[in-house]
Amino acid sequence: MPRLELNPNFTDPDAFYAALTALHRERSETESERINARLILLLANHIGDQAVLEEAISHAVGDGDQ
């Protein structure tokens, strides 16, 4: 069964952070929340595996912290 990748796996983490912060710059809180929701759904669709998604949810709320 696939597992959630928790080790650093970015090809360019600084570029991703810059793109993400630029995406939210000068947007309202509501716009940013909508963008984040769409981004989460797009990435969840890319992952696709329910078990991996549930593991990610668990980690996001702190239940899966090691």
N, C-alpha and C. Protein backbone atom coordinates (compact mmCIF):
# COMPACT_ATOMS: atom_id res chain seq x y z
N MET A 1 0.84 -1.17 0.00
CA MET A 1 0.00 0.00 0.00
C MET A 1 0.89 1.24 0.00
N PRO A 2 0.58 2.23 -0.85
CA PRO A 2 1.38 3.46 -0.85
C PRO A 2 1.26 4.18 0.49
N ARG A 3 2.32 4.86 0.84
CA ARG A 3 2.35 5.64 2.08
C ARG A 3 2.58 7.11 1.74
N LEU A 4 2.15 7.94 2.63
CA LEU A 4 2.37 9.37 2.48
C LEU A 4 3.86 9.66 2.56
N GLU A 5 4.38 10.40 1.60
CA GLU A 5 5.80 10.78 1.59
C GLU A 5 5.98 11.93 2.56
N LEU A 6 6.72 11.70 3.64
CA LEU A 6 6.93 12.73 4.66
C LEU A 6 8.34 13.32 4.60
N ASN A 7 9.22 12.72 3.85
CA ASN A 7 10.56 13.27 3.68
C ASN A 7 10.52 14.37 2.63
N PRO A 8 11.41 15.36 2.72
CA PRO A 8 11.43 16.42 1.72
C PRO A 8 11.49 15.83 0.30
N ASN A 9 10.59 16.30 -0.55
CA ASN A 9 10.48 15.72 -1.88
C ASN A 9 10.27 16.80 -2.94
N PHE A 10 10.56 18.06 -2.60
CA PHE A 10 10.41 19.17 -3.54
C PHE A 10 11.63 19.24 -4.45
N THR A 11 11.42 19.53 -5.72
CA THR A 11 12.57 19.78 -6.59
C THR A 11 13.13 21.18 -6.33
N ASP A 12 12.24 22.12 -5.94
CA ASP A 12 12.67 23.48 -5.64
C ASP A 12 11.72 24.08 -4.62
N PRO A 13 11.93 23.78 -3.33
CA PRO A 13 11.00 24.25 -2.31
C PRO A 13 10.88 25.77 -2.24
N ASP A 14 11.96 26.48 -2.47
CA ASP A 14 11.91 27.95 -2.42
C ASP A 14 11.02 28.50 -3.54
N ALA A 15 11.11 27.91 -4.71
CA ALA A 15 10.28 28.35 -5.83
C ALA A 15 8.81 28.07 -5.56
N PHE A 16 8.52 26.91 -4.97
CA PHE A 16 7.12 26.60 -4.63
C PHE A 16 6.60 27.59 -3.61
N TYR A 17 7.38 27.86 -2.56
CA TYR A 17 6.95 28.81 -1.53
C TYR A 17 6.71 30.19 -2.15
N ALA A 18 7.60 30.62 -3.01
CA ALA A 18 7.45 31.93 -3.66
C ALA A 18 6.19 31.97 -4.51
N ALA A 19 5.93 30.91 -5.26
CA ALA A 19 4.72 30.87 -6.09
C ALA A 19 3.46 30.87 -5.23
N LEU A 20 3.49 30.12 -4.14
CA LEU A 20 2.33 30.04 -3.26
C LEU A 20 2.05 31.38 -2.58
N THR A 21 3.09 32.03 -2.09
CA THR A 21 2.88 33.33 -1.44
C THR A 21 2.46 34.39 -2.46
N ALA A 22 3.01 34.35 -3.66
CA ALA A 22 2.60 35.29 -4.70
C ALA A 22 1.13 35.09 -5.08
N LEU A 23 0.71 33.84 -5.09
CA LEU A 23 -0.67 33.51 -5.42
C LEU A 23 -1.65 34.19 -4.46
N HIS A 24 -1.27 34.30 -3.21
CA HIS A 24 -2.16 34.85 -2.18
C HIS A 24 -1.99 36.35 -1.96
N ARG A 25 -0.93 36.91 -2.48
CA ARG A 25 -0.66 38.33 -2.28
C ARG A 25 -1.79 39.16 -2.87
N GLU A 26 -2.25 40.11 -2.10
CA GLU A 26 -3.29 41.07 -2.51
C GLU A 26 -4.64 40.41 -2.79
N ARG A 27 -4.86 39.22 -2.25
CA ARG A 27 -6.18 38.58 -2.36
C ARG A 27 -6.88 38.68 -1.02
N SER A 28 -8.19 38.68 -1.08
CA SER A 28 -8.96 38.70 0.16
C SER A 28 -8.84 37.34 0.85
N GLU A 29 -9.21 37.30 2.12
CA GLU A 29 -9.18 36.04 2.85
C GLU A 29 -10.10 35.01 2.19
N THR A 30 -11.26 35.45 1.73
CA THR A 30 -12.20 34.55 1.06
C THR A 30 -11.62 34.00 -0.23
N GLU A 31 -10.98 34.86 -1.03
CA GLU A 31 -10.35 34.40 -2.27
C GLU A 31 -9.24 33.39 -1.97
N SER A 32 -8.42 33.68 -0.97
CA SER A 32 -7.34 32.77 -0.60
C SER A 32 -7.88 31.42 -0.14
N GLU A 33 -8.95 31.43 0.63
CA GLU A 33 -9.55 30.17 1.09
C GLU A 33 -10.08 29.36 -0.10
N ARG A 34 -10.69 30.02 -1.06
CA ARG A 34 -11.19 29.31 -2.26
C ARG A 34 -10.04 28.72 -3.06
N ILE A 35 -8.98 29.50 -3.22
CA ILE A 35 -7.80 29.01 -3.94
C ILE A 35 -7.21 27.80 -3.23
N ASN A 36 -7.06 27.90 -1.91
CA ASN A 36 -6.52 26.78 -1.15
C ASN A 36 -7.40 25.54 -1.28
N ALA A 37 -8.70 25.71 -1.23
CA ALA A 37 -9.61 24.57 -1.37
C ALA A 37 -9.45 23.92 -2.75
N ARG A 38 -9.38 24.72 -3.78
CA ARG A 38 -9.19 24.16 -5.14
C ARG A 38 -7.84 23.46 -5.26
N LEU A 39 -6.80 24.07 -4.70
CA LEU A 39 -5.47 23.47 -4.76
C LEU A 39 -5.45 22.14 -4.02
N ILE A 40 -6.07 22.09 -2.85
CA ILE A 40 -6.14 20.83 -2.09
C ILE A 40 -6.85 19.76 -2.91
N LEU A 41 -7.96 20.10 -3.53
CA LEU A 41 -8.70 19.11 -4.32
C LEU A 41 -7.90 18.65 -5.55
N LEU A 42 -7.21 19.57 -6.20
CA LEU A 42 -6.37 19.19 -7.34
C LEU A 42 -5.26 18.24 -6.92
N LEU A 43 -4.59 18.55 -5.82
CA LEU A 43 -3.50 17.69 -5.35
C LEU A 43 -4.02 16.36 -4.83
N ALA A 44 -5.17 16.37 -4.16
CA ALA A 44 -5.78 15.12 -3.69
C ALA A 44 -6.15 14.24 -4.87
N ASN A 45 -6.67 14.85 -5.93
CA ASN A 45 -6.99 14.08 -7.13
C ASN A 45 -5.72 13.48 -7.74
N HIS A 46 -4.64 14.24 -7.72
CA HIS A 46 -3.37 13.75 -8.26
C HIS A 46 -2.87 12.55 -7.45
N ILE A 47 -2.99 12.63 -6.13
CA ILE A 47 -2.59 11.51 -5.27
C ILE A 47 -3.50 10.32 -5.49
N GLY A 48 -4.80 10.57 -5.37
CA GLY A 48 -5.80 9.57 -5.74
C GLY A 48 -6.03 8.43 -4.76
N ASP A 49 -5.06 8.03 -3.99
CA ASP A 49 -5.17 6.87 -3.11
C ASP A 49 -5.82 7.29 -1.79
N GLN A 50 -6.98 6.71 -1.49
CA GLN A 50 -7.74 7.11 -0.30
C GLN A 50 -6.94 6.92 0.98
N ALA A 51 -6.21 5.84 1.10
CA ALA A 51 -5.43 5.58 2.31
C ALA A 51 -4.36 6.66 2.51
N VAL A 52 -3.72 7.07 1.44
CA VAL A 52 -2.70 8.11 1.52
C VAL A 52 -3.34 9.44 1.91
N LEU A 53 -4.50 9.73 1.32
CA LEU A 53 -5.20 10.97 1.65
C LEU A 53 -5.63 10.99 3.11
N GLU A 54 -6.11 9.87 3.62
CA GLU A 54 -6.50 9.79 5.02
C GLU A 54 -5.29 9.94 5.95
N GLU A 55 -4.16 9.39 5.54
CA GLU A 55 -2.93 9.55 6.32
C GLU A 55 -2.53 11.02 6.34
N ALA A 56 -2.66 11.70 5.21
CA ALA A 56 -2.33 13.13 5.14
C ALA A 56 -3.25 13.94 6.05
N ILE A 57 -4.53 13.61 6.05
CA ILE A 57 -5.48 14.30 6.92
C ILE A 57 -5.09 14.10 8.38
N SER A 58 -4.74 12.87 8.73
CA SER A 58 -4.34 12.57 10.09
C SER A 58 -3.12 13.40 10.50
N HIS A 59 -2.14 13.50 9.63
CA HIS A 59 -0.95 14.29 9.92
C HIS A 59 -1.27 15.78 10.00
N ALA A 60 -2.18 16.24 9.15
CA ALA A 60 -2.52 17.66 9.12
C ALA A 60 -3.16 18.12 10.44
N VAL A 61 -3.91 17.24 11.10
CA VAL A 61 -4.54 17.62 12.36
C VAL A 61 -3.68 17.25 13.56
N GLY A 62 -2.54 16.63 13.31
CA GLY A 62 -1.61 16.29 14.38
C GLY A 62 -1.76 14.90 14.93
N ASP A 63 -2.73 14.11 14.44
CA ASP A 63 -2.93 12.75 14.94
C ASP A 63 -1.85 11.80 14.46
N GLY A 64 -1.21 12.11 13.34
CA GLY A 64 -0.23 11.20 12.77
C GLY A 64 1.20 11.57 13.07
N ASP A 65 1.39 12.59 13.93
CA ASP A 65 2.76 13.01 14.24
C ASP A 65 3.55 11.86 14.87
N GLN A 66 4.77 11.72 14.40
CA GLN A 66 5.63 10.65 14.91
C GLN A 66 6.54 11.19 15.97
